[in-house]
Amino acid sequence: MNHYETVFILNPVLSDVQVKETVQKFEDYLVSKGAEMIWKEDWGLKKLAYTIQNKKSGFYHLFEYKVAGEVIAPFELEFRRDDSVMRYLTVKLDKHAAAWAEKRKERVKSSKK
């Protein structure tokens, strides 16, 4: 099992319920394929650096998970099929990136206290 991070941007015209349903759909897909979800973050509505599909903002979400490598291509296909997803990026984490991600999680946890 490899360690991955996926960041995806959802269309800003979606309602809160639609955003939650879409995020849950992608999480359920990963879990159904045997993924171990490590961390999820909702970064909220952010301004984009450049317009995408004539939109200037989007809902950012991050998943950190462990899964077999052959699951990634079909997972990204699901992103391409969903009209509410404007962009996505999946990165395989090496030991240094995983250590950095752990530090980031600790900062997020301590800031929420």
PDB file of N, CA and C in Angstrom:
ATOM      1  N   MET A   1       0.843  -1.181   0.000  1.00  0.00           N
ATOM      2  CA  MET A   1       0.000   0.000   0.000  1.00  0.00           C
ATOM      3  C   MET A   1       0.886   1.241   0.000  1.00  0.00           C
ATOM      4  N   ASN A   2       0.555   2.160  -0.883  1.00  0.00           N
ATOM      5  CA  ASN A   2       1.296   3.403  -0.999  1.00  0.00           C
ATOM      6  C   ASN A   2       0.552   4.521  -0.277  1.00  0.00           C
ATOM      7  N   HIS A   3       1.286   5.552   0.081  1.00  0.00           N
ATOM      8  CA  HIS A   3       0.763   6.704   0.801  1.00  0.00           C
ATOM      9  C   HIS A   3       0.507   7.824  -0.209  1.00  0.00           C
ATOM     10  N   TYR A   4      -0.726   8.355  -0.259  1.00  0.00           N
ATOM     11  CA  TYR A   4      -1.098   9.376  -1.236  1.00  0.00           C
ATOM     12  C   TYR A   4      -1.791  10.550  -0.571  1.00  0.00           C
ATOM     13  N   GLU A   5      -1.725  11.687  -1.258  1.00  0.00           N
ATOM     14  CA  GLU A   5      -2.530  12.863  -0.939  1.00  0.00           C
ATOM     15  C   GLU A   5      -3.249  13.290  -2.202  1.00  0.00           C
ATOM     16  N   THR A   6      -4.508  13.621  -2.069  1.00  0.00           N
ATOM     17  CA  THR A   6      -5.271  14.163  -3.190  1.00  0.00           C
ATOM     18  C   THR A   6      -5.920  15.456  -2.742  1.00  0.00           C
ATOM     19  N   VAL A   7      -5.718  16.497  -3.534  1.00  0.00           N
ATOM     20  CA  VAL A   7      -6.387  17.775  -3.322  1.00  0.00           C
ATOM     21  C   VAL A   7      -7.306  17.972  -4.509  1.00  0.00           C
ATOM     22  N   PHE A   8      -8.557  18.345  -4.236  1.00  0.00           N
ATOM     23  CA  PHE A   8      -9.475  18.610  -5.342  1.00  0.00           C
ATOM     24  C   PHE A   8     -10.281  19.866  -5.057  1.00  0.00           C
ATOM     25  N   ILE A   9     -10.688  20.518  -6.144  1.00  0.00           N
ATOM     26  CA  ILE A   9     -11.428  21.775  -6.065  1.00  0.00           C
ATOM     27  C   ILE A   9     -12.808  21.536  -6.649  1.00  0.00           C
ATOM     28  N   LEU A  10     -13.832  21.862  -5.859  1.00  0.00           N
ATOM     29  CA  LEU A  10     -15.214  21.705  -6.303  1.00  0.00           C
ATOM     30  C   LEU A  10     -15.785  23.048  -6.716  1.00  0.00           C
ATOM     31  N   ASN A  11     -16.738  23.001  -7.624  1.00  0.00           N
ATOM     32  CA  ASN A  11     -17.394  24.170  -8.173  1.00  0.00           C
ATOM     33  C   ASN A  11     -18.013  25.018  -7.055  1.00  0.00           C
ATOM     34  N   PRO A  12     -17.816  26.342  -7.065  1.00  0.00           N
ATOM     35  CA  PRO A  12     -18.319  27.196  -5.989  1.00  0.00           C
ATOM     36  C   PRO A  12     -19.835  27.390  -6.002  1.00  0.00           C
ATOM     37  N   VAL A  13     -20.526  27.001  -7.060  1.00  0.00           N
ATOM     38  CA  VAL A  13     -21.980  27.180  -7.112  1.00  0.00           C
ATOM     39  C   VAL A  13     -22.730  26.063  -6.392  1.00  0.00           C
ATOM     40  N   LEU A  14     -22.004  25.053  -5.911  1.00  0.00           N
ATOM     41  CA  LEU A  14     -22.643  23.952  -5.190  1.00  0.00           C
ATOM     42  C   LEU A  14     -23.093  24.412  -3.803  1.00  0.00           C
ATOM     43  N   SER A  15     -24.196  23.841  -3.336  1.00  0.00           N
ATOM     44  CA  SER A  15     -24.646  24.128  -1.968  1.00  0.00           C
ATOM     45  C   SER A  15     -23.783  23.342  -0.985  1.00  0.00           C
ATOM     46  N   ASP A  16     -23.892  23.685   0.297  1.00  0.00           N
ATOM     47  CA  ASP A  16     -23.129  22.969   1.325  1.00  0.00           C
ATOM     48  C   ASP A  16     -23.464  21.481   1.318  1.00  0.00           C
ATOM     49  N   VAL A  17     -24.722  21.155   1.119  1.00  0.00           N
ATOM     50  CA  VAL A  17     -25.152  19.753   1.090  1.00  0.00           C
ATOM     51  C   VAL A  17     -24.527  19.034  -0.101  1.00  0.00           C
ATOM     52  N   GLN A  18     -24.528  19.678  -1.261  1.00  0.00           N
ATOM     53  CA  GLN A  18     -23.946  19.066  -2.459  1.00  0.00           C
ATOM     54  C   GLN A  18     -22.447  18.856  -2.290  1.00  0.00           C
ATOM     55  N   VAL A  19     -21.767  19.809  -1.670  1.00  0.00           N
ATOM     56  CA  VAL A  19     -20.326  19.674  -1.431  1.00  0.00           C
ATOM     57  C   VAL A  19     -20.068  18.476  -0.526  1.00  0.00           C
ATOM     58  N   LYS A  20     -20.812  18.382   0.580  1.00  0.00           N
ATOM     59  CA  LYS A  20     -20.634  17.271   1.512  1.00  0.00           C
ATOM     60  C   LYS A  20     -20.920  15.931   0.845  1.00  0.00           C
ATOM     61  N   GLU A  21     -21.970  15.872   0.022  1.00  0.00           N
ATOM     62  CA  GLU A  21     -22.303  14.627  -0.684  1.00  0.00           C
ATOM     63  C   GLU A  21     -21.201  14.228  -1.655  1.00  0.00           C
ATOM     64  N   THR A  22     -20.648  15.197  -2.363  1.00  0.00           N
ATOM     65  CA  THR A  22     -19.590  14.913  -3.329  1.00  0.00           C
ATOM     66  C   THR A  22     -18.330  14.428  -2.622  1.00  0.00           C
ATOM     67  N   VAL A  23     -17.945  15.085  -1.552  1.00  0.00           N
ATOM     68  CA  VAL A  23     -16.765  14.677  -0.783  1.00  0.00           C
ATOM     69  C   VAL A  23     -16.979  13.270  -0.234  1.00  0.00           C
ATOM     70  N   GLN A  24     -18.175  13.004   0.295  1.00  0.00           N
ATOM     71  CA  GLN A  24     -18.484  11.682   0.844  1.00  0.00           C
ATOM     72  C   GLN A  24     -18.449  10.619  -0.241  1.00  0.00           C
ATOM     73  N   LYS A  25     -18.896  10.972  -1.452  1.00  0.00           N
ATOM     74  CA  LYS A  25     -18.870  10.023  -2.569  1.00  0.00           C
ATOM     75  C   LYS A  25     -17.441   9.582  -2.877  1.00  0.00           C
ATOM     76  N   PHE A  26     -16.518  10.533  -2.906  1.00  0.00           N
ATOM     77  CA  PHE A  26     -15.128  10.192  -3.208  1.00  0.00           C
ATOM     78  C   PHE A  26     -14.479   9.420  -2.061  1.00  0.00           C
ATOM     79  N   GLU A  27     -14.811   9.781  -0.833  1.00  0.00           N
ATOM     80  CA  GLU A  27     -14.283   9.037   0.306  1.00  0.00           C
ATOM     81  C   GLU A  27     -14.816   7.600   0.293  1.00  0.00           C
ATOM     82  N   ASP A  28     -16.107   7.440   0.035  1.00  0.00           N
ATOM     83  CA  ASP A  28     -16.700   6.098  -0.020  1.00  0.00           C
ATOM     84  C   ASP A  28     -16.067   5.259  -1.124  1.00  0.00           C
ATOM     85  N   TYR A  29     -15.758   5.903  -2.256  1.00  0.00           N
ATOM     86  CA  TYR A  29     -15.116   5.180  -3.354  1.00  0.00           C
ATOM     87  C   TYR A  29     -13.770   4.616  -2.897  1.00  0.00           C
ATOM     88  N   LEU A  30     -12.964   5.461  -2.257  1.00  0.00           N
ATOM     89  CA  LEU A  30     -11.648   5.009  -1.790  1.00  0.00           C
ATOM     90  C   LEU A  30     -11.774   3.877  -0.770  1.00  0.00           C
ATOM     91  N   VAL A  31     -12.665   4.043   0.190  1.00  0.00           N
ATOM     92  CA  VAL A  31     -12.831   3.028   1.231  1.00  0.00           C
ATOM     93  C   VAL A  31     -13.313   1.712   0.620  1.00  0.00           C
ATOM     94  N   SER A  32     -14.186   1.794  -0.385  1.00  0.00           N
ATOM     95  CA  SER A  32     -14.687   0.573  -1.034  1.00  0.00           C
ATOM     96  C   SER A  32     -13.580  -0.171  -1.778  1.00  0.00           C
ATOM     97  N   LYS A  33     -12.532   0.549  -2.145  1.00  0.00           N
ATOM     98  CA  LYS A  33     -11.398  -0.073  -2.840  1.00  0.00           C
ATOM     99  C   LYS A  33     -10.297  -0.490  -1.870  1.00  0.00           C
ATOM    100  N   GLY A  34     -10.570  -0.410  -0.581  1.00  0.00           N
ATOM    101  CA  GLY A  34      -9.618  -0.876   0.421  1.00  0.00           C
ATOM    102  C   GLY A  34      -8.667   0.178   0.942  1.00  0.00           C
ATOM    103  N   ALA A  35      -8.984   1.433   0.739  1.00  0.00           N
ATOM    104  CA  ALA A  35      -8.096   2.505   1.206  1.00  0.00           C
ATOM    105  C   ALA A  35      -8.244   2.711   2.704  1.00  0.00           C
ATOM    106  N   GLU A  36      -7.152   3.092   3.316  1.00  0.00           N
ATOM    107  CA  GLU A  36      -7.145   3.474   4.723  1.00  0.00           C
ATOM    108  C   GLU A  36      -7.060   4.998   4.762  1.00  0.00           C
ATOM    109  N   MET A  37      -8.165   5.650   5.146  1.00  0.00           N
ATOM    110  CA  MET A  37      -8.185   7.107   5.213  1.00  0.00           C
ATOM    111  C   MET A  37      -7.393   7.545   6.443  1.00  0.00           C
ATOM    112  N   ILE A  38      -6.400   8.393   6.230  1.00  0.00           N
ATOM    113  CA  ILE A  38      -5.549   8.866   7.315  1.00  0.00           C
ATOM    114  C   ILE A  38      -6.013  10.235   7.801  1.00  0.00           C
ATOM    115  N   TRP A  39      -6.346  11.100   6.866  1.00  0.00           N
ATOM    116  CA  TRP A  39      -6.667  12.487   7.221  1.00  0.00           C
ATOM    117  C   TRP A  39      -7.528  13.098   6.135  1.00  0.00           C
ATOM    118  N   LYS A  40      -8.475  13.932   6.548  1.00  0.00           N
ATOM    119  CA  LYS A  40      -9.296  14.709   5.618  1.00  0.00           C
ATOM    120  C   LYS A  40      -9.307  16.141   6.107  1.00  0.00           C
ATOM    121  N   GLU A  41      -9.253  17.061   5.166  1.00  0.00           N
ATOM    122  CA  GLU A  41      -9.339  18.478   5.522  1.00  0.00           C
ATOM    123  C   GLU A  41     -10.256  19.186   4.553  1.00  0.00           C
ATOM    124  N   ASP A  42     -11.076  20.044   5.086  1.00  0.00           N
ATOM    125  CA  ASP A  42     -11.919  20.926   4.286  1.00  0.00           C
ATOM    126  C   ASP A  42     -11.298  22.308   4.391  1.00  0.00           C
ATOM    127  N   TRP A  43     -10.699  22.768   3.306  1.00  0.00           N
ATOM    128  CA  TRP A  43     -10.038  24.069   3.325  1.00  0.00           C
ATOM    129  C   TRP A  43     -11.003  25.207   3.037  1.00  0.00           C
ATOM    130  N   GLY A  44     -12.222  24.865   2.678  1.00  0.00           N
ATOM    131  CA  GLY A  44     -13.248  25.878   2.461  1.00  0.00           C
ATOM    132  C   GLY A  44     -13.178  26.538   1.094  1.00  0.00           C
ATOM    133  N   LEU A  45     -13.917  27.619   0.967  1.00  0.00           N
ATOM    134  CA  LEU A  45     -13.980  28.369  -0.286  1.00  0.00           C
ATOM    135  C   LEU A  45     -12.763  29.278  -0.379  1.00  0.00           C
ATOM    136  N   LYS A  46     -11.981  29.103  -1.419  1.00  0.00           N
ATOM    137  CA  LYS A  46     -10.757  29.890  -1.621  1.00  0.00           C
ATOM    138  C   LYS A  46     -10.784  30.536  -3.004  1.00  0.00           C
ATOM    139  N   LYS A  47     -10.141  31.675  -3.089  1.00  0.00           N
ATOM    140  CA  LYS A  47      -9.984  32.358  -4.373  1.00  0.00           C
ATOM    141  C   LYS A  47      -8.938  31.620  -5.196  1.00  0.00           C
ATOM    142  N   LEU A  48      -9.211  31.444  -6.485  1.00  0.00           N
ATOM    143  CA  LEU A  48      -8.279  30.761  -7.380  1.00  0.00           C
ATOM    144  C   LEU A  48      -7.241  31.741  -7.910  1.00  0.00           C
ATOM    145  N   ALA A  49      -6.071  31.237  -8.240  1.00  0.00           N
ATOM    146  CA  ALA A  49      -5.013  32.078  -8.807  1.00  0.00           C
ATOM    147  C   ALA A  49      -5.371  32.542 -10.215  1.00  0.00           C
ATOM    148  N   TYR A  50      -6.162  31.730 -10.915  1.00  0.00           N
ATOM    149  CA  TYR A  50      -6.631  32.080 -12.253  1.00  0.00           C
ATOM    150  C   TYR A  50      -8.016  31.459 -12.437  1.00  0.00           C
ATOM    151  N   THR A  51      -8.784  31.982 -13.367  1.00  0.00           N
ATOM    152  CA  THR A  51     -10.142  31.475 -13.532  1.00  0.00           C
ATOM    153  C   THR A  51     -10.124  30.067 -14.137  1.00  0.00           C
ATOM    154  N   ILE A  52     -11.020  29.241 -13.646  1.00  0.00           N
ATOM    155  CA  ILE A  52     -11.229  27.892 -14.160  1.00  0.00           C
ATOM    156  C   ILE A  52     -12.716  27.788 -14.465  1.00  0.00           C
ATOM    157  N   GLN A  53     -13.052  27.462 -15.689  1.00  0.00           N
ATOM    158  CA  GLN A  53     -14.450  27.355 -16.111  1.00  0.00           C
ATOM    159  C   GLN A  53     -15.228  28.627 -15.753  1.00  0.00           C
ATOM    160  N   ASN A  54     -14.587  29.775 -15.960  1.00  0.00           N
ATOM    161  CA  ASN A  54     -15.160  31.093 -15.664  1.00  0.00           C
ATOM    162  C   ASN A  54     -15.505  31.286 -14.196  1.00  0.00           C
ATOM    163  N   LYS A  55     -14.870  30.551 -13.316  1.00  0.00           N
ATOM    164  CA  LYS A  55     -15.081  30.673 -11.875  1.00  0.00           C
ATOM    165  C   LYS A  55     -13.810  31.245 -11.248  1.00  0.00           C
ATOM    166  N   LYS A  56     -13.987  32.091 -10.229  1.00  0.00           N
ATOM    167  CA  LYS A  56     -12.846  32.717  -9.573  1.00  0.00           C
ATOM    168  C   LYS A  56     -12.557  32.133  -8.199  1.00  0.00           C
ATOM    169  N   SER A  57     -13.374  31.169  -7.746  1.00  0.00           N
ATOM    170  CA  SER A  57     -13.169  30.539  -6.446  1.00  0.00           C
ATOM    171  C   SER A  57     -13.627  29.087  -6.521  1.00  0.00           C
ATOM    172  N   GLY A  58     -13.308  28.333  -5.477  1.00  0.00           N
ATOM    173  CA  GLY A  58     -13.712  26.936  -5.436  1.00  0.00           C
ATOM    174  C   GLY A  58     -13.554  26.383  -4.026  1.00  0.00           C
ATOM    175  N   PHE A  59     -14.244  25.279  -3.744  1.00  0.00           N
ATOM    176  CA  PHE A  59     -14.152  24.595  -2.457  1.00  0.00           C
ATOM    177  C   PHE A  59     -13.006  23.597  -2.511  1.00  0.00           C
ATOM    178  N   TYR A  60     -12.006  23.797  -1.673  1.00  0.00           N
ATOM    179  CA  TYR A  60     -10.818  22.933  -1.634  1.00  0.00           C
ATOM    180  C   TYR A  60     -10.994  21.837  -0.585  1.00  0.00           C
ATOM    181  N   HIS A  61     -10.565  20.623  -0.944  1.00  0.00           N
ATOM    182  CA  HIS A  61     -10.593  19.487  -0.016  1.00  0.00           C
ATOM    183  C   HIS A  61      -9.321  18.674  -0.181  1.00  0.00           C
ATOM    184  N   LEU A  62      -8.860  18.093   0.928  1.00  0.00           N
ATOM    185  CA  LEU A  62      -7.657  17.275   0.910  1.00  0.00           C
ATOM    186  C   LEU A  62      -7.969  15.921   1.532  1.00  0.00           C
ATOM    187  N   PHE A  63      -7.513  14.861   0.875  1.00  0.00           N
ATOM    188  CA  PHE A  63      -7.563  13.506   1.424  1.00  0.00           C
ATOM    189  C   PHE A  63      -6.139  13.002   1.545  1.00  0.00           C
ATOM    190  N   GLU A  64      -5.805  12.387   2.667  1.00  0.00           N
ATOM    191  CA  GLU A  64      -4.537  11.668   2.817  1.00  0.00           C
ATOM    192  C   GLU A  64      -4.921  10.231   3.135  1.00  0.00           C
ATOM    193  N   TYR A  65      -4.361   9.291   2.391  1.00  0.00           N
ATOM    194  CA  TYR A  65      -4.795   7.902   2.515  1.00  0.00           C
ATOM    195  C   TYR A  65      -3.709   6.950   2.046  1.00  0.00           C
ATOM    196  N   LYS A  66      -3.886   5.677   2.391  1.00  0.00           N
ATOM    197  CA  LYS A  66      -3.010   4.607   1.911  1.00  0.00           C
ATOM    198  C   LYS A  66      -3.869   3.641   1.110  1.00  0.00           C
ATOM    199  N   VAL A  67      -3.387   3.288  -0.071  1.00  0.00           N
ATOM    200  CA  VAL A  67      -4.138   2.387  -0.950  1.00  0.00           C
ATOM    201  C   VAL A  67      -3.171   1.775  -1.952  1.00  0.00           C
ATOM    202  N   ALA A  68      -3.583   0.687  -2.562  1.00  0.00           N
ATOM    203  CA  ALA A  68      -2.776   0.058  -3.610  1.00  0.00           C
ATOM    204  C   ALA A  68      -2.695   0.990  -4.825  1.00  0.00           C
ATOM    205  N   GLY A  69      -1.578   0.968  -5.513  1.00  0.00           N
ATOM    206  CA  GLY A  69      -1.338   1.873  -6.631  1.00  0.00           C
ATOM    207  C   GLY A  69      -2.322   1.747  -7.774  1.00  0.00           C
ATOM    208  N   GLU A  70      -2.860   0.551  -8.007  1.00  0.00           N
ATOM    209  CA  GLU A  70      -3.772   0.367  -9.143  1.00  0.00           C
ATOM    210  C   GLU A  70      -5.138   1.014  -8.927  1.00  0.00           C
ATOM    211  N   VAL A  71      -5.402   1.530  -7.753  1.00  0.00           N
ATOM    212  CA  VAL A  71      -6.682   2.182  -7.471  1.00  0.00           C
ATOM    213  C   VAL A  71      -6.679   3.634  -7.942  1.00  0.00           C
ATOM    214  N   ILE A  72      -5.515   4.231  -8.081  1.00  0.00           N
ATOM    215  CA  ILE A  72      -5.410   5.667  -8.366  1.00  0.00           C
ATOM    216  C   ILE A  72      -5.994   6.039  -9.733  1.00  0.00           C
ATOM    217  N   ALA A  73      -5.668   5.304 -10.773  1.00  0.00           N
ATOM    218  CA  ALA A  73      -6.177   5.648 -12.114  1.00  0.00           C
ATOM    219  C   ALA A  73      -7.705   5.621 -12.164  1.00  0.00           C
ATOM    220  N   PRO A  74      -8.380   4.578 -11.661  1.00  0.00           N
ATOM    221  CA  PRO A  74      -9.848   4.614 -11.654  1.00  0.00           C
ATOM    222  C   PRO A  74     -10.416   5.712 -10.754  1.00  0.00           C
ATOM    223  N   PHE A  75      -9.709   6.016  -9.655  1.00  0.00           N
ATOM    224  CA  PHE A  75     -10.144   7.091  -8.759  1.00  0.00           C
ATOM    225  C   PHE A  75     -10.110   8.426  -9.488  1.00  0.00           C
ATOM    226  N   GLU A  76      -9.038   8.695 -10.216  1.00  0.00           N
ATOM    227  CA  GLU A  76      -8.940   9.945 -10.967  1.00  0.00           C
ATOM    228  C   GLU A  76      -9.949   9.991 -12.111  1.00  0.00           C
ATOM    229  N   LEU A  77     -10.300   8.841 -12.656  1.00  0.00           N
ATOM    230  CA  LEU A  77     -11.340   8.783 -13.678  1.00  0.00           C
ATOM    231  C   LEU A  77     -12.674   9.255 -13.099  1.00  0.00           C
ATOM    232  N   GLU A  78     -12.941   8.907 -11.845  1.00  0.00           N
ATOM    233  CA  GLU A  78     -14.156   9.378 -11.183  1.00  0.00           C
ATOM    234  C   GLU A  78     -14.162  10.902 -11.073  1.00  0.00           C
ATOM    235  N   PHE A  79     -12.997  11.504 -10.814  1.00  0.00           N
ATOM    236  CA  PHE A  79     -12.910  12.967 -10.782  1.00  0.00           C
ATOM    237  C   PHE A  79     -13.233  13.561 -12.151  1.00  0.00           C
ATOM    238  N   ARG A  80     -12.688  12.960 -13.191  1.00  0.00           N
ATOM    239  CA  ARG A  80     -12.929  13.485 -14.548  1.00  0.00           C
ATOM    240  C   ARG A  80     -14.396  13.356 -14.949  1.00  0.00           C
ATOM    241  N   ARG A  81     -15.084  12.350 -14.450  1.00  0.00           N
ATOM    242  CA  ARG A  81     -16.494  12.128 -14.801  1.00  0.00           C
ATOM    243  C   ARG A  81     -17.442  13.055 -14.051  1.00  0.00           C
ATOM    244  N   ASP A  82     -17.018  13.603 -12.937  1.00  0.00           N
ATOM    245  CA  ASP A  82     -17.881  14.426 -12.095  1.00  0.00           C
ATOM    246  C   ASP A  82     -17.770  15.887 -12.516  1.00  0.00           C
ATOM    247  N   ASP A  83     -18.886  16.472 -12.937  1.00  0.00           N
ATOM    248  CA  ASP A  83     -18.887  17.860 -13.406  1.00  0.00           C
ATOM    249  C   ASP A  83     -18.632  18.872 -12.298  1.00  0.00           C
ATOM    250  N   SER A  84     -18.847  18.479 -11.046  1.00  0.00           N
ATOM    251  CA  SER A  84     -18.646  19.423  -9.948  1.00  0.00           C
ATOM    252  C   SER A  84     -17.178  19.589  -9.585  1.00  0.00           C
ATOM    253  N   VAL A  85     -16.293  18.720 -10.093  1.00  0.00           N
ATOM    254  CA  VAL A  85     -14.858  18.809  -9.810  1.00  0.00           C
ATOM    255  C   VAL A  85     -14.197  19.673 -10.886  1.00  0.00           C
ATOM    256  N   MET A  86     -13.565  20.751 -10.447  1.00  0.00           N
ATOM    257  CA  MET A  86     -12.909  21.646 -11.396  1.00  0.00           C
ATOM    258  C   MET A  86     -11.455  21.234 -11.629  1.00  0.00           C
ATOM    259  N   ARG A  87     -10.745  20.833 -10.582  1.00  0.00           N
ATOM    260  CA  ARG A  87      -9.354  20.381 -10.684  1.00  0.00           C
ATOM    261  C   ARG A  87      -9.095  19.374  -9.578  1.00  0.00           C
ATOM    262  N   TYR A  88      -8.077  18.532  -9.806  1.00  0.00           N
ATOM    263  CA  TYR A  88      -7.640  17.585  -8.785  1.00  0.00           C
ATOM    264  C   TYR A  88      -6.163  17.303  -8.999  1.00  0.00           C
ATOM    265  N   LEU A  89      -5.503  16.873  -7.943  1.00  0.00           N
ATOM    266  CA  LEU A  89      -4.101  16.491  -8.029  1.00  0.00           C
ATOM    267  C   LEU A  89      -3.839  15.410  -6.989  1.00  0.00           C
ATOM    268  N   THR A  90      -3.302  14.288  -7.440  1.00  0.00           N
ATOM    269  CA  THR A  90      -2.929  13.202  -6.542  1.00  0.00           C
ATOM    270  C   THR A  90      -1.423  13.066  -6.557  1.00  0.00           C
ATOM    271  N   VAL A  91      -0.838  12.983  -5.359  1.00  0.00           N
ATOM    272  CA  VAL A  91       0.605  12.906  -5.209  1.00  0.00           C
ATOM    273  C   VAL A  91       0.936  11.713  -4.326  1.00  0.00           C
ATOM    274  N   LYS A  92       1.916  10.907  -4.757  1.00  0.00           N
ATOM    275  CA  LYS A  92       2.409   9.814  -3.931  1.00  0.00           C
ATOM    276  C   LYS A  92       3.446  10.394  -2.975  1.00  0.00           C
ATOM    277  N   LEU A  93       3.257  10.140  -1.688  1.00  0.00           N
ATOM    278  CA  LEU A  93       4.142  10.721  -0.683  1.00  0.00           C
ATOM    279  C   LEU A  93       5.312   9.791  -0.386  1.00  0.00           C
ATOM    280  N   ASP A  94       6.522  10.352  -0.388  1.00  0.00           N
ATOM    281  CA  ASP A  94       7.678   9.583   0.065  1.00  0.00           C
ATOM    282  C   ASP A  94       7.810   9.807   1.575  1.00  0.00           C
ATOM    283  N   LYS A  95       8.848   9.277   2.183  1.00  0.00           N
ATOM    284  CA  LYS A  95       8.971   9.361   3.642  1.00  0.00           C
ATOM    285  C   LYS A  95       9.113  10.803   4.124  1.00  0.00           C
ATOM    286  N   HIS A  96       9.761  11.653   3.331  1.00  0.00           N
ATOM    287  CA  HIS A  96       9.949  13.050   3.734  1.00  0.00           C
ATOM    288  C   HIS A  96       8.631  13.820   3.641  1.00  0.00           C
ATOM    289  N   ALA A  97       7.891  13.588   2.565  1.00  0.00           N
ATOM    290  CA  ALA A  97       6.593  14.253   2.402  1.00  0.00           C
ATOM    291  C   ALA A  97       5.603  13.768   3.448  1.00  0.00           C
ATOM    292  N   ALA A  98       5.667  12.494   3.791  1.00  0.00           N
ATOM    293  CA  ALA A  98       4.775  11.951   4.824  1.00  0.00           C
ATOM    294  C   ALA A  98       5.097  12.580   6.179  1.00  0.00           C
ATOM    295  N   ALA A  99       6.362  12.792   6.460  1.00  0.00           N
ATOM    296  CA  ALA A  99       6.764  13.438   7.719  1.00  0.00           C
ATOM    297  C   ALA A  99       6.277  14.886   7.750  1.00  0.00           C
ATOM    298  N   TRP A 100       6.370  15.581   6.616  1.00  0.00           N
ATOM    299  CA  TRP A 100       5.883  16.951   6.542  1.00  0.00           C
ATOM    300  C   TRP A 100       4.371  16.981   6.732  1.00  0.00           C
ATOM    301  N   ALA A 101       3.655  16.034   6.127  1.00  0.00           N
ATOM    302  CA  ALA A 101       2.203  15.969   6.269  1.00  0.00           C
ATOM    303  C   ALA A 101       1.819  15.743   7.728  1.00  0.00           C
ATOM    304  N   GLU A 102       2.592  14.951   8.435  1.00  0.00           N
ATOM    305  CA  GLU A 102       2.337  14.696   9.853  1.00  0.00           C
ATOM    306  C   GLU A 102       2.494  15.995  10.653  1.00  0.00           C
ATOM    307  N   LYS A 103       3.518  16.789  10.340  1.00  0.00           N
ATOM    308  CA  LYS A 103       3.714  18.076  11.019  1.00  0.00           C
ATOM    309  C   LYS A 103       2.547  19.022  10.720  1.00  0.00           C
ATOM    310  N   ARG A 104       2.083  19.018   9.481  1.00  0.00           N
ATOM    311  CA  ARG A 104       0.962  19.870   9.088  1.00  0.00           C
ATOM    312  C   ARG A 104      -0.292  19.487   9.876  1.00  0.00           C
ATOM    313  N   LYS A 105      -0.531  18.182  10.026  1.00  0.00           N
ATOM    314  CA  LYS A 105      -1.697  17.713  10.783  1.00  0.00           C
ATOM    315  C   LYS A 105      -1.614  18.154  12.242  1.00  0.00           C
ATOM    316  N   GLU A 106      -0.425  18.091  12.820  1.00  0.00           N
ATOM    317  CA  GLU A 106      -0.254  18.514  14.209  1.00  0.00           C
ATOM    318  C   GLU A 106      -0.542  20.005  14.373  1.00  0.00           C
ATOM    319  N   ARG A 107      -0.104  20.806  13.400  1.00  0.00           N
ATOM    320  CA  ARG A 107      -0.388  22.241  13.454  1.00  0.00           C
ATOM    321  C   ARG A 107      -1.886  22.501  13.375  1.00  0.00           C
ATOM    322  N   VAL A 108      -2.571  21.776  12.486  1.00  0.00           N
ATOM    323  CA  VAL A 108      -4.015  21.957  12.330  1.00  0.00           C
ATOM    324  C   VAL A 108      -4.726  21.554  13.602  1.00  0.00           C
ATOM    325  N   LYS A 109      -4.316  20.427  14.180  1.00  0.00           N
ATOM    326  CA  LYS A 109      -4.952  19.956  15.414  1.00  0.00           C
ATOM    327  C   LYS A 109      -4.738  20.950  16.556  1.00  0.00           C
ATOM    328  N   SER A 110      -3.520  21.489  16.678  1.00  0.00           N
ATOM    329  CA  SER A 110      -3.235  22.427  17.769  1.00  0.00           C
ATOM    330  C   SER A 110      -3.936  23.765  17.571  1.00  0.00           C
ATOM    331  N   SER A 111      -4.156  24.181  16.321  1.00  0.00           N
ATOM    332  CA  SER A 111      -4.841  25.447  16.074  1.00  0.00           C
ATOM    333  C   SER A 111      -6.335  25.350  16.331  1.00  0.00           C
ATOM    334  N   LYS A 112      -6.903  24.138  16.307  1.00  0.00           N
ATOM    335  CA  LYS A 112      -8.327  23.969  16.556  1.00  0.00           C
ATOM    336  C   LYS A 112      -8.657  23.905  18.037  1.00  0.00           C
ATOM    337  N   LYS A 113      -7.643  23.784  18.870  1.00  0.00           N
ATOM    338  CA  LYS A 113      -7.885  23.689  20.324  1.00  0.00           C
ATOM    339  C   LYS A 113      -8.166  25.040  20.924  1.00  0.00           C
TER     340      LYS A 113
END
